[in-house]
Amino acid sequence: MHHPGPFGMIRVEKGAEVAPGIFAFHVPLIGFSGKSSAPLSDACRAIKRRNDGMGECLVGLFREGHDEPDMTVTLDVGAELTTAEPSHGRIAFRKYRKYRFSAAALEKK
């Protein structure tokens, strides 16, 4: 298992855009990969699920080949946020709400 990078920062590696606004990402510390429009927040939730109790750790979003993160956040804060894209086009952070899947929702479509 990899250990957090310099200064205890957990590295989230942002990959290629795989669909409009959706990016591949990888968290070497936990061997987790995914695709997301909010890779830093989604990575924080994945790390927290596997390693609760690391809430004050700093998590950074890195582009390939870069040693400095584009964005950082503490694990607990990042796990509680996601991006919102309101219809007027201004992107902002908002509180994350876990999606609740139901068969009834599928039947309505």
PDB file of N, CA and C in Angstrom:
ATOM      1  N   MET A   1       0.843  -1.177   0.000  1.00  0.00           N
ATOM      2  CA  MET A   1       0.000   0.000   0.000  1.00  0.00           C
ATOM      3  C   MET A   1       0.891   1.243   0.000  1.00  0.00           C
ATOM      4  N   HIS A   2       0.557   2.228  -0.825  1.00  0.00           N
ATOM      5  CA  HIS A   2       1.297   3.482  -0.874  1.00  0.00           C
ATOM      6  C   HIS A   2       0.967   4.323   0.347  1.00  0.00           C
ATOM      7  N   HIS A   3       1.900   5.159   0.743  1.00  0.00           N
ATOM      8  CA  HIS A   3       1.666   6.085   1.848  1.00  0.00           C
ATOM      9  C   HIS A   3       1.412   7.465   1.276  1.00  0.00           C
ATOM     10  N   PRO A   4       0.716   8.329   2.020  1.00  0.00           N
ATOM     11  CA  PRO A   4       0.482   9.688   1.527  1.00  0.00           C
ATOM     12  C   PRO A   4       1.793  10.339   1.111  1.00  0.00           C
ATOM     13  N   GLY A   5       1.711  11.193   0.106  1.00  0.00           N
ATOM     14  CA  GLY A   5       2.883  11.851  -0.458  1.00  0.00           C
ATOM     15  C   GLY A   5       3.513  12.868   0.473  1.00  0.00           C
ATOM     16  N   PRO A   6       4.250  13.838  -0.099  1.00  0.00           N
ATOM     17  CA  PRO A   6       4.966  14.811   0.718  1.00  0.00           C
ATOM     18  C   PRO A   6       4.012  15.559   1.644  1.00  0.00           C
ATOM     19  N   PHE A   7       4.481  15.809   2.849  1.00  0.00           N
ATOM     20  CA  PHE A   7       3.725  16.558   3.848  1.00  0.00           C
ATOM     21  C   PHE A   7       2.430  15.849   4.235  1.00  0.00           C
ATOM     22  N   GLY A   8       2.353  14.539   4.019  1.00  0.00           N
ATOM     23  CA  GLY A   8       1.172  13.792   4.412  1.00  0.00           C
ATOM     24  C   GLY A   8      -0.008  13.963   3.485  1.00  0.00           C
ATOM     25  N   MET A   9       0.179  14.580   2.314  1.00  0.00           N
ATOM     26  CA  MET A   9      -0.932  14.800   1.396  1.00  0.00           C
ATOM     27  C   MET A   9      -1.263  13.507   0.642  1.00  0.00           C
ATOM     28  N   ILE A  10      -2.542  13.179   0.571  1.00  0.00           N
ATOM     29  CA  ILE A  10      -3.013  12.038  -0.211  1.00  0.00           C
ATOM     30  C   ILE A  10      -3.181  12.513  -1.649  1.00  0.00           C
ATOM     31  N   ARG A  11      -2.624  11.769  -2.576  1.00  0.00           N
ATOM     32  CA  ARG A  11      -2.610  12.152  -3.986  1.00  0.00           C
ATOM     33  C   ARG A  11      -3.790  11.542  -4.734  1.00  0.00           C
ATOM     34  N   VAL A  12      -4.527  12.396  -5.453  1.00  0.00           N
ATOM     35  CA  VAL A  12      -5.570  11.965  -6.376  1.00  0.00           C
ATOM     36  C   VAL A  12      -5.073  12.378  -7.758  1.00  0.00           C
ATOM     37  N   GLU A  13      -4.876  11.408  -8.633  1.00  0.00           N
ATOM     38  CA  GLU A  13      -4.344  11.678  -9.960  1.00  0.00           C
ATOM     39  C   GLU A  13      -5.490  11.817 -10.955  1.00  0.00           C
ATOM     40  N   LYS A  14      -5.610  13.005 -11.531  1.00  0.00           N
ATOM     41  CA  LYS A  14      -6.659  13.285 -12.515  1.00  0.00           C
ATOM     42  C   LYS A  14      -6.182  12.820 -13.881  1.00  0.00           C
ATOM     43  N   GLY A  15      -6.996  11.993 -14.522  1.00  0.00           N
ATOM     44  CA  GLY A  15      -6.648  11.466 -15.833  1.00  0.00           C
ATOM     45  C   GLY A  15      -7.349  12.212 -16.952  1.00  0.00           C
ATOM     46  N   ALA A  16      -7.523  11.522 -18.035  1.00  0.00           N
ATOM     47  CA  ALA A  16      -8.110  12.103 -19.240  1.00  0.00           C
ATOM     48  C   ALA A  16      -9.616  12.340 -19.080  1.00  0.00           C
ATOM     49  N   GLU A  17     -10.121  13.275 -19.869  1.00  0.00           N
ATOM     50  CA  GLU A  17     -11.562  13.502 -19.946  1.00  0.00           C
ATOM     51  C   GLU A  17     -12.146  12.353 -20.778  1.00  0.00           C
ATOM     52  N   VAL A  18     -13.015  11.553 -20.169  1.00  0.00           N
ATOM     53  CA  VAL A  18     -13.546  10.361 -20.825  1.00  0.00           C
ATOM     54  C   VAL A  18     -14.916  10.609 -21.448  1.00  0.00           C
ATOM     55  N   ALA A  19     -15.553  11.686 -21.069  1.00  0.00           N
ATOM     56  CA  ALA A  19     -16.822  12.149 -21.630  1.00  0.00           C
ATOM     57  C   ALA A  19     -16.874  13.642 -21.298  1.00  0.00           C
ATOM     58  N   PRO A  20     -17.741  14.399 -21.939  1.00  0.00           N
ATOM     59  CA  PRO A  20     -17.777  15.836 -21.637  1.00  0.00           C
ATOM     60  C   PRO A  20     -17.948  16.110 -20.131  1.00  0.00           C
ATOM     61  N   GLY A  21     -16.930  16.731 -19.532  1.00  0.00           N
ATOM     62  CA  GLY A  21     -16.975  17.086 -18.124  1.00  0.00           C
ATOM     63  C   GLY A  21     -16.742  15.941 -17.157  1.00  0.00           C
ATOM     64  N   ILE A  22     -16.420  14.752 -17.654  1.00  0.00           N
ATOM     65  CA  ILE A  22     -16.183  13.566 -16.819  1.00  0.00           C
ATOM     66  C   ILE A  22     -14.718  13.153 -16.971  1.00  0.00           C
ATOM     67  N   PHE A  23     -14.035  13.022 -15.830  1.00  0.00           N
ATOM     68  CA  PHE A  23     -12.607  12.714 -15.845  1.00  0.00           C
ATOM     69  C   PHE A  23     -12.311  11.406 -15.121  1.00  0.00           C
ATOM     70  N   ALA A  24     -11.372  10.656 -15.661  1.00  0.00           N
ATOM     71  CA  ALA A  24     -10.861   9.471 -14.965  1.00  0.00           C
ATOM     72  C   ALA A  24      -9.990   9.978 -13.819  1.00  0.00           C
ATOM     73  N   PHE A  25      -9.927   9.204 -12.737  1.00  0.00           N
ATOM     74  CA  PHE A  25      -9.032   9.549 -11.636  1.00  0.00           C
ATOM     75  C   PHE A  25      -8.587   8.285 -10.930  1.00  0.00           C
ATOM     76  N   HIS A  26      -7.468   8.407 -10.199  1.00  0.00           N
ATOM     77  CA  HIS A  26      -6.897   7.265  -9.491  1.00  0.00           C
ATOM     78  C   HIS A  26      -6.342   7.735  -8.150  1.00  0.00           C
ATOM     79  N   VAL A  27      -6.574   6.937  -7.102  1.00  0.00           N
ATOM     80  CA  VAL A  27      -6.045   7.213  -5.765  1.00  0.00           C
ATOM     81  C   VAL A  27      -5.071   6.087  -5.423  1.00  0.00           C
ATOM     82  N   PRO A  28      -3.756   6.297  -5.634  1.00  0.00           N
ATOM     83  CA  PRO A  28      -2.779   5.237  -5.385  1.00  0.00           C
ATOM     84  C   PRO A  28      -2.809   4.698  -3.952  1.00  0.00           C
ATOM     85  N   LEU A  29      -3.083   5.551  -2.974  1.00  0.00           N
ATOM     86  CA  LEU A  29      -3.075   5.140  -1.568  1.00  0.00           C
ATOM     87  C   LEU A  29      -3.979   3.945  -1.311  1.00  0.00           C
ATOM     88  N   ILE A  30      -5.150   3.926  -1.961  1.00  0.00           N
ATOM     89  CA  ILE A  30      -6.113   2.847  -1.714  1.00  0.00           C
ATOM     90  C   ILE A  30      -6.361   1.986  -2.954  1.00  0.00           C
ATOM     91  N   GLY A  31      -5.637   2.259  -4.044  1.00  0.00           N
ATOM     92  CA  GLY A  31      -5.807   1.468  -5.258  1.00  0.00           C
ATOM     93  C   GLY A  31      -7.188   1.619  -5.872  1.00  0.00           C
ATOM     94  N   PHE A  32      -7.739   2.829  -5.788  1.00  0.00           N
ATOM     95  CA  PHE A  32      -9.102   3.076  -6.273  1.00  0.00           C
ATOM     96  C   PHE A  32      -9.058   3.950  -7.515  1.00  0.00           C
ATOM     97  N   SER A  33      -9.847   3.594  -8.518  1.00  0.00           N
ATOM     98  CA  SER A  33      -9.985   4.397  -9.731  1.00  0.00           C
ATOM     99  C   SER A  33     -11.456   4.618 -10.009  1.00  0.00           C
ATOM    100  N   GLY A  34     -11.753   5.713 -10.684  1.00  0.00           N
ATOM    101  CA  GLY A  34     -13.138   5.997 -11.031  1.00  0.00           C
ATOM    102  C   GLY A  34     -13.223   7.037 -12.126  1.00  0.00           C
ATOM    103  N   LYS A  35     -14.446   7.449 -12.418  1.00  0.00           N
ATOM    104  CA  LYS A  35     -14.741   8.496 -13.399  1.00  0.00           C
ATOM    105  C   LYS A  35     -15.733   9.432 -12.739  1.00  0.00           C
ATOM    106  N   SER A  36     -15.517  10.745 -12.891  1.00  0.00           N
ATOM    107  CA  SER A  36     -16.362  11.683 -12.169  1.00  0.00           C
ATOM    108  C   SER A  36     -16.272  13.087 -12.748  1.00  0.00           C
ATOM    109  N   SER A  37     -17.331  13.862 -12.540  1.00  0.00           N
ATOM    110  CA  SER A  37     -17.287  15.289 -12.850  1.00  0.00           C
ATOM    111  C   SER A  37     -16.691  16.054 -11.670  1.00  0.00           C
ATOM    112  N   ALA A  38     -16.563  15.402 -10.518  1.00  0.00           N
ATOM    113  CA  ALA A  38     -15.975  15.994  -9.309  1.00  0.00           C
ATOM    114  C   ALA A  38     -14.992  14.986  -8.702  1.00  0.00           C
ATOM    115  N   PRO A  39     -13.857  14.731  -9.394  1.00  0.00           N
ATOM    116  CA  PRO A  39     -12.970  13.659  -8.944  1.00  0.00           C
ATOM    117  C   PRO A  39     -12.397  13.848  -7.543  1.00  0.00           C
ATOM    118  N   LEU A  40     -12.107  15.069  -7.122  1.00  0.00           N
ATOM    119  CA  LEU A  40     -11.534  15.261  -5.786  1.00  0.00           C
ATOM    120  C   LEU A  40     -12.544  14.886  -4.710  1.00  0.00           C
ATOM    121  N   SER A  41     -13.775  15.334  -4.848  1.00  0.00           N
ATOM    122  CA  SER A  41     -14.808  14.999  -3.861  1.00  0.00           C
ATOM    123  C   SER A  41     -15.128  13.513  -3.859  1.00  0.00           C
ATOM    124  N   ASP A  42     -15.246  12.918  -5.037  1.00  0.00           N
ATOM    125  CA  ASP A  42     -15.547  11.487  -5.102  1.00  0.00           C
ATOM    126  C   ASP A  42     -14.394  10.656  -4.539  1.00  0.00           C
ATOM    127  N   ALA A  43     -13.166  11.098  -4.787  1.00  0.00           N
ATOM    128  CA  ALA A  43     -12.011  10.399  -4.220  1.00  0.00           C
ATOM    129  C   ALA A  43     -12.020  10.509  -2.692  1.00  0.00           C
ATOM    130  N   CYS A  44     -12.357  11.676  -2.165  1.00  0.00           N
ATOM    131  CA  CYS A  44     -12.428  11.843  -0.704  1.00  0.00           C
ATOM    132  C   CYS A  44     -13.447  10.883  -0.094  1.00  0.00           C
ATOM    133  N   ARG A  45     -14.596  10.725  -0.734  1.00  0.00           N
ATOM    134  CA  ARG A  45     -15.602   9.798  -0.205  1.00  0.00           C
ATOM    135  C   ARG A  45     -15.081   8.355  -0.245  1.00  0.00           C
ATOM    136  N   ALA A  46     -14.388   7.987  -1.314  1.00  0.00           N
ATOM    137  CA  ALA A  46     -13.838   6.625  -1.421  1.00  0.00           C
ATOM    138  C   ALA A  46     -12.773   6.390  -0.350  1.00  0.00           C
ATOM    139  N   ILE A  47     -11.901   7.367  -0.125  1.00  0.00           N
ATOM    140  CA  ILE A  47     -10.862   7.237   0.897  1.00  0.00           C
ATOM    141  C   ILE A  47     -11.505   7.121   2.273  1.00  0.00           C
ATOM    142  N   LYS A  48     -12.482   7.950   2.539  1.00  0.00           N
ATOM    143  CA  LYS A  48     -13.147   7.949   3.843  1.00  0.00           C
ATOM    144  C   LYS A  48     -13.834   6.617   4.120  1.00  0.00           C
ATOM    145  N   ARG A  49     -14.460   6.028   3.094  1.00  0.00           N
ATOM    146  CA  ARG A  49     -15.110   4.718   3.268  1.00  0.00           C
ATOM    147  C   ARG A  49     -14.106   3.652   3.696  1.00  0.00           C
ATOM    148  N   ARG A  50     -12.894   3.749   3.204  1.00  0.00           N
ATOM    149  CA  ARG A  50     -11.883   2.732   3.493  1.00  0.00           C
ATOM    150  C   ARG A  50     -11.032   3.049   4.714  1.00  0.00           C
ATOM    151  N   ASN A  51     -10.884   4.320   5.049  1.00  0.00           N
ATOM    152  CA  ASN A  51      -9.958   4.728   6.110  1.00  0.00           C
ATOM    153  C   ASN A  51     -10.580   5.816   6.980  1.00  0.00           C
ATOM    154  N   ASP A  52     -11.714   5.563   7.578  1.00  0.00           N
ATOM    155  CA  ASP A  52     -12.319   6.580   8.440  1.00  0.00           C
ATOM    156  C   ASP A  52     -11.362   6.894   9.584  1.00  0.00           C
ATOM    157  N   GLY A  53     -11.369   8.120  10.013  1.00  0.00           N
ATOM    158  CA  GLY A  53     -10.460   8.544  11.065  1.00  0.00           C
ATOM    159  C   GLY A  53      -9.284   9.347  10.527  1.00  0.00           C
ATOM    160  N   MET A  54      -9.253   9.563   9.216  1.00  0.00           N
ATOM    161  CA  MET A  54      -8.183  10.343   8.593  1.00  0.00           C
ATOM    162  C   MET A  54      -8.695  11.724   8.199  1.00  0.00           C
ATOM    163  N   GLY A  55      -9.774  12.183   8.819  1.00  0.00           N
ATOM    164  CA  GLY A  55     -10.489  13.387   8.406  1.00  0.00           C
ATOM    165  C   GLY A  55      -9.691  14.647   8.237  1.00  0.00           C
ATOM    166  N   GLU A  56      -8.597  14.815   8.986  1.00  0.00           N
ATOM    167  CA  GLU A  56      -7.803  16.031   8.879  1.00  0.00           C
ATOM    168  C   GLU A  56      -6.701  15.928   7.835  1.00  0.00           C
ATOM    169  N   CYS A  57      -6.568  14.777   7.193  1.00  0.00           N
ATOM    170  CA  CYS A  57      -5.553  14.616   6.149  1.00  0.00           C
ATOM    171  C   CYS A  57      -5.867  15.534   4.977  1.00  0.00           C
ATOM    172  N   LEU A  58      -4.830  16.041   4.356  1.00  0.00           N
ATOM    173  CA  LEU A  58      -4.981  16.882   3.180  1.00  0.00           C
ATOM    174  C   LEU A  58      -4.986  15.988   1.939  1.00  0.00           C
ATOM    175  N   VAL A  59      -5.925  16.255   1.041  1.00  0.00           N
ATOM    176  CA  VAL A  59      -6.058  15.496  -0.202  1.00  0.00           C
ATOM    177  C   VAL A  59      -5.856  16.475  -1.350  1.00  0.00           C
ATOM    178  N   GLY A  60      -5.021  16.100  -2.322  1.00  0.00           N
ATOM    179  CA  GLY A  60      -4.737  16.990  -3.441  1.00  0.00           C
ATOM    180  C   GLY A  60      -5.073  16.352  -4.778  1.00  0.00           C
ATOM    181  N   LEU A  61      -5.571  17.176  -5.699  1.00  0.00           N
ATOM    182  CA  LEU A  61      -5.874  16.738  -7.065  1.00  0.00           C
ATOM    183  C   LEU A  61      -4.710  17.155  -7.956  1.00  0.00           C
ATOM    184  N   PHE A  62      -4.049  16.159  -8.557  1.00  0.00           N
ATOM    185  CA  PHE A  62      -2.849  16.389  -9.353  1.00  0.00           C
ATOM    186  C   PHE A  62      -3.088  16.023 -10.811  1.00  0.00           C
ATOM    187  N   ARG A  63      -2.590  16.854 -11.721  1.00  0.00           N
ATOM    188  CA  ARG A  63      -2.559  16.490 -13.134  1.00  0.00           C
ATOM    189  C   ARG A  63      -1.325  15.639 -13.382  1.00  0.00           C
ATOM    190  N   GLU A  64      -1.400  14.769 -14.369  1.00  0.00           N
ATOM    191  CA  GLU A  64      -0.289  13.877 -14.696  1.00  0.00           C
ATOM    192  C   GLU A  64       0.990  14.677 -14.928  1.00  0.00           C
ATOM    193  N   GLY A  65       2.061  14.228 -14.284  1.00  0.00           N
ATOM    194  CA  GLY A  65       3.358  14.862 -14.457  1.00  0.00           C
ATOM    195  C   GLY A  65       3.581  16.097 -13.601  1.00  0.00           C
ATOM    196  N   HIS A  66       2.621  16.477 -12.771  1.00  0.00           N
ATOM    197  CA  HIS A  66       2.758  17.671 -11.939  1.00  0.00           C
ATOM    198  C   HIS A  66       3.038  17.279 -10.494  1.00  0.00           C
ATOM    199  N   ASP A  67       3.926  18.035  -9.850  1.00  0.00           N
ATOM    200  CA  ASP A  67       4.266  17.784  -8.457  1.00  0.00           C
ATOM    201  C   ASP A  67       3.439  18.622  -7.489  1.00  0.00           C
ATOM    202  N   GLU A  68       2.795  19.660  -7.999  1.00  0.00           N
ATOM    203  CA  GLU A  68       1.961  20.529  -7.165  1.00  0.00           C
ATOM    204  C   GLU A  68       0.492  20.267  -7.497  1.00  0.00           C
ATOM    205  N   PRO A  69      -0.362  20.190  -6.489  1.00  0.00           N
ATOM    206  CA  PRO A  69      -1.793  19.936  -6.756  1.00  0.00           C
ATOM    207  C   PRO A  69      -2.480  21.165  -7.344  1.00  0.00           C
ATOM    208  N   ASP A  70      -3.501  20.920  -8.149  1.00  0.00           N
ATOM    209  CA  ASP A  70      -4.338  22.002  -8.672  1.00  0.00           C
ATOM    210  C   ASP A  70      -5.318  22.480  -7.611  1.00  0.00           C
ATOM    211  N   MET A  71      -5.670  21.583  -6.700  1.00  0.00           N
ATOM    212  CA  MET A  71      -6.660  21.895  -5.671  1.00  0.00           C
ATOM    213  C   MET A  71      -6.402  20.972  -4.492  1.00  0.00           C
ATOM    214  N   THR A  72      -6.619  21.481  -3.268  1.00  0.00           N
ATOM    215  CA  THR A  72      -6.500  20.652  -2.077  1.00  0.00           C
ATOM    216  C   THR A  72      -7.703  20.886  -1.166  1.00  0.00           C
ATOM    217  N   VAL A  73      -7.951  19.896  -0.318  1.00  0.00           N
ATOM    218  CA  VAL A  73      -9.051  19.977   0.637  1.00  0.00           C
ATOM    219  C   VAL A  73      -8.760  18.955   1.739  1.00  0.00           C
ATOM    220  N   THR A  74      -9.280  19.177   2.940  1.00  0.00           N
ATOM    221  CA  THR A  74      -9.153  18.136   3.952  1.00  0.00           C
ATOM    222  C   THR A  74     -10.144  17.030   3.608  1.00  0.00           C
ATOM    223  N   LEU A  75      -9.825  15.825   4.017  1.00  0.00           N
ATOM    224  CA  LEU A  75     -10.635  14.656   3.663  1.00  0.00           C
ATOM    225  C   LEU A  75     -12.101  14.823   4.058  1.00  0.00           C
ATOM    226  N   ASP A  76     -12.366  15.218   5.305  1.00  0.00           N
ATOM    227  CA  ASP A  76     -13.755  15.361   5.753  1.00  0.00           C
ATOM    228  C   ASP A  76     -14.524  16.400   4.958  1.00  0.00           C
ATOM    229  N   VAL A  77     -13.900  17.544   4.687  1.00  0.00           N
ATOM    230  CA  VAL A  77     -14.580  18.598   3.932  1.00  0.00           C
ATOM    231  C   VAL A  77     -14.842  18.127   2.507  1.00  0.00           C
ATOM    232  N   GLY A  78     -13.842  17.545   1.860  1.00  0.00           N
ATOM    233  CA  GLY A  78     -14.006  17.070   0.485  1.00  0.00           C
ATOM    234  C   GLY A  78     -15.078  16.004   0.355  1.00  0.00           C
ATOM    235  N   ALA A  79     -15.198  15.142   1.357  1.00  0.00           N
ATOM    236  CA  ALA A  79     -16.201  14.072   1.319  1.00  0.00           C
ATOM    237  C   ALA A  79     -17.619  14.621   1.440  1.00  0.00           C
ATOM    238  N   GLU A  80     -17.755  15.806   2.013  1.00  0.00           N
ATOM    239  CA  GLU A  80     -19.083  16.406   2.211  1.00  0.00           C
ATOM    240  C   GLU A  80     -19.506  17.318   1.071  1.00  0.00           C
ATOM    241  N   LEU A  81     -18.624  17.550   0.089  1.00  0.00           N
ATOM    242  CA  LEU A  81     -18.936  18.482  -0.998  1.00  0.00           C
ATOM    243  C   LEU A  81     -18.999  17.776  -2.344  1.00  0.00           C
ATOM    244  N   THR A  82     -19.706  18.385  -3.253  1.00  0.00           N
ATOM    245  CA  THR A  82     -19.706  17.987  -4.653  1.00  0.00           C
ATOM    246  C   THR A  82     -19.916  19.256  -5.466  1.00  0.00           C
ATOM    247  N   THR A  83     -19.870  19.160  -6.772  1.00  0.00           N
ATOM    248  CA  THR A  83     -20.089  20.356  -7.583  1.00  0.00           C
ATOM    249  C   THR A  83     -21.543  20.433  -7.999  1.00  0.00           C
ATOM    250  N   ALA A  84     -22.008  21.658  -8.164  1.00  0.00           N
ATOM    251  CA  ALA A  84     -23.360  21.912  -8.647  1.00  0.00           C
ATOM    252  C   ALA A  84     -23.239  22.823  -9.853  1.00  0.00           C
ATOM    253  N   GLU A  85     -24.010  22.530 -10.867  1.00  0.00           N
ATOM    254  CA  GLU A  85     -23.987  23.344 -12.071  1.00  0.00           C
ATOM    255  C   GLU A  85     -25.402  23.846 -12.346  1.00  0.00           C
ATOM    256  N   PRO A  86     -25.795  24.910 -11.679  1.00  0.00           N
ATOM    257  CA  PRO A  86     -27.143  25.435 -11.888  1.00  0.00           C
ATOM    258  C   PRO A  86     -27.352  25.864 -13.338  1.00  0.00           C
ATOM    259  N   SER A  87     -28.583  26.003 -13.724  1.00  0.00           N
ATOM    260  CA  SER A  87     -28.920  26.307 -15.110  1.00  0.00           C
ATOM    261  C   SER A  87     -28.331  27.633 -15.586  1.00  0.00           C
ATOM    262  N   HIS A  88     -28.018  28.554 -14.680  1.00  0.00           N
ATOM    263  CA  HIS A  88     -27.458  29.837 -15.116  1.00  0.00           C
ATOM    264  C   HIS A  88     -25.958  29.751 -15.367  1.00  0.00           C
ATOM    265  N   GLY A  89     -25.370  28.555 -15.300  1.00  0.00           N
ATOM    266  CA  GLY A  89     -24.008  28.328 -15.737  1.00  0.00           C
ATOM    267  C   GLY A  89     -22.900  28.585 -14.744  1.00  0.00           C
ATOM    268  N   ARG A  90     -23.199  28.941 -13.527  1.00  0.00           N
ATOM    269  CA  ARG A  90     -22.145  29.188 -12.530  1.00  0.00           C
ATOM    270  C   ARG A  90     -21.909  27.914 -11.719  1.00  0.00           C
ATOM    271  N   ILE A  91     -20.694  27.401 -11.781  1.00  0.00           N
ATOM    272  CA  ILE A  91     -20.351  26.179 -11.058  1.00  0.00           C
ATOM    273  C   ILE A  91     -20.009  26.545  -9.616  1.00  0.00           C
ATOM    274  N   ALA A  92     -20.506  25.754  -8.676  1.00  0.00           N
ATOM    275  CA  ALA A  92     -20.259  26.013  -7.256  1.00  0.00           C
ATOM    276  C   ALA A  92     -20.199  24.691  -6.509  1.00  0.00           C
ATOM    277  N   PHE A  93     -19.737  24.736  -5.255  1.00  0.00           N
ATOM    278  CA  PHE A  93     -19.760  23.564  -4.400  1.00  0.00           C
ATOM    279  C   PHE A  93     -21.051  23.548  -3.607  1.00  0.00           C
ATOM    280  N   ARG A  94     -21.559  22.352  -3.350  1.00  0.00           N
ATOM    281  CA  ARG A  94     -22.737  22.198  -2.501  1.00  0.00           C
ATOM    282  C   ARG A  94     -22.560  20.925  -1.682  1.00  0.00           C
ATOM    283  N   LYS A  95     -23.409  20.785  -0.667  1.00  0.00           N
ATOM    284  CA  LYS A  95     -23.342  19.609   0.201  1.00  0.00           C
ATOM    285  C   LYS A  95     -23.694  18.361  -0.600  1.00  0.00           C
ATOM    286  N   TYR A  96     -22.921  17.316  -0.418  1.00  0.00           N
ATOM    287  CA  TYR A  96     -23.148  16.043  -1.093  1.00  0.00           C
ATOM    288  C   TYR A  96     -24.338  15.331  -0.463  1.00  0.00           C
ATOM    289  N   ARG A  97     -25.197  14.785  -1.296  1.00  0.00           N
ATOM    290  CA  ARG A  97     -26.316  13.955  -0.836  1.00  0.00           C
ATOM    291  C   ARG A  97     -26.227  12.622  -1.536  1.00  0.00           C
ATOM    292  N   LYS A  98     -26.206  11.562  -0.751  1.00  0.00           N
ATOM    293  CA  LYS A  98     -26.106  10.227  -1.314  1.00  0.00           C
ATOM    294  C   LYS A  98     -27.351   9.936  -2.156  1.00  0.00           C
ATOM    295  N   TYR A  99     -27.134   9.429  -3.354  1.00  0.00           N
ATOM    296  CA  TYR A  99     -28.228   9.091  -4.257  1.00  0.00           C
ATOM    297  C   TYR A  99     -28.964   7.876  -3.712  1.00  0.00           C
ATOM    298  N   ARG A 100     -30.256   7.981  -3.633  1.00  0.00           N
ATOM    299  CA  ARG A 100     -31.081   6.873  -3.145  1.00  0.00           C
ATOM    300  C   ARG A 100     -31.775   6.240  -4.355  1.00  0.00           C
ATOM    301  N   PHE A 101     -31.352   5.039  -4.695  1.00  0.00           N
ATOM    302  CA  PHE A 101     -31.905   4.318  -5.839  1.00  0.00           C
ATOM    303  C   PHE A 101     -33.211   3.648  -5.439  1.00  0.00           C
ATOM    304  N   SER A 102     -34.188   3.716  -6.321  1.00  0.00           N
ATOM    305  CA  SER A 102     -35.438   2.992  -6.065  1.00  0.00           C
ATOM    306  C   SER A 102     -35.986   2.454  -7.384  1.00  0.00           C
ATOM    307  N   ALA A 103     -36.609   1.288  -7.307  1.00  0.00           N
ATOM    308  CA  ALA A 103     -37.219   0.682  -8.486  1.00  0.00           C
ATOM    309  C   ALA A 103     -38.379   1.533  -8.967  1.00  0.00           C
ATOM    310  N   ALA A 104     -39.073   2.220  -8.073  1.00  0.00           N
ATOM    311  CA  ALA A 104     -40.204   3.070  -8.442  1.00  0.00           C
ATOM    312  C   ALA A 104     -39.759   4.190  -9.387  1.00  0.00           C
ATOM    313  N   ALA A 105     -38.571   4.726  -9.160  1.00  0.00           N
ATOM    314  CA  ALA A 105     -38.066   5.783 -10.021  1.00  0.00           C
ATOM    315  C   ALA A 105     -37.852   5.268 -11.439  1.00  0.00           C
ATOM    316  N   LEU A 106     -37.415   4.037 -11.583  1.00  0.00           N
ATOM    317  CA  LEU A 106     -37.214   3.451 -12.903  1.00  0.00           C
ATOM    318  C   LEU A 106     -38.546   3.227 -13.617  1.00  0.00           C
ATOM    319  N   GLU A 107     -39.556   2.855 -12.874  1.00  0.00           N
ATOM    320  CA  GLU A 107     -40.856   2.591 -13.471  1.00  0.00           C
ATOM    321  C   GLU A 107     -41.498   3.842 -14.041  1.00  0.00           C
ATOM    322  N   LYS A 108     -41.173   5.018 -13.508  1.00  0.00           N
ATOM    323  CA  LYS A 108     -41.738   6.281 -13.973  1.00  0.00           C
ATOM    324  C   LYS A 108     -41.186   6.667 -15.331  1.00  0.00           C
ATOM    325  N   LYS A 109     -40.032   6.132 -15.730  1.00  0.00           N
ATOM    326  CA  LYS A 109     -39.404   6.503 -17.000  1.00  0.00           C
ATOM    327  C   LYS A 109     -39.976   5.748 -18.113  1.00  0.00           C
TER     328      LYS A 109
END
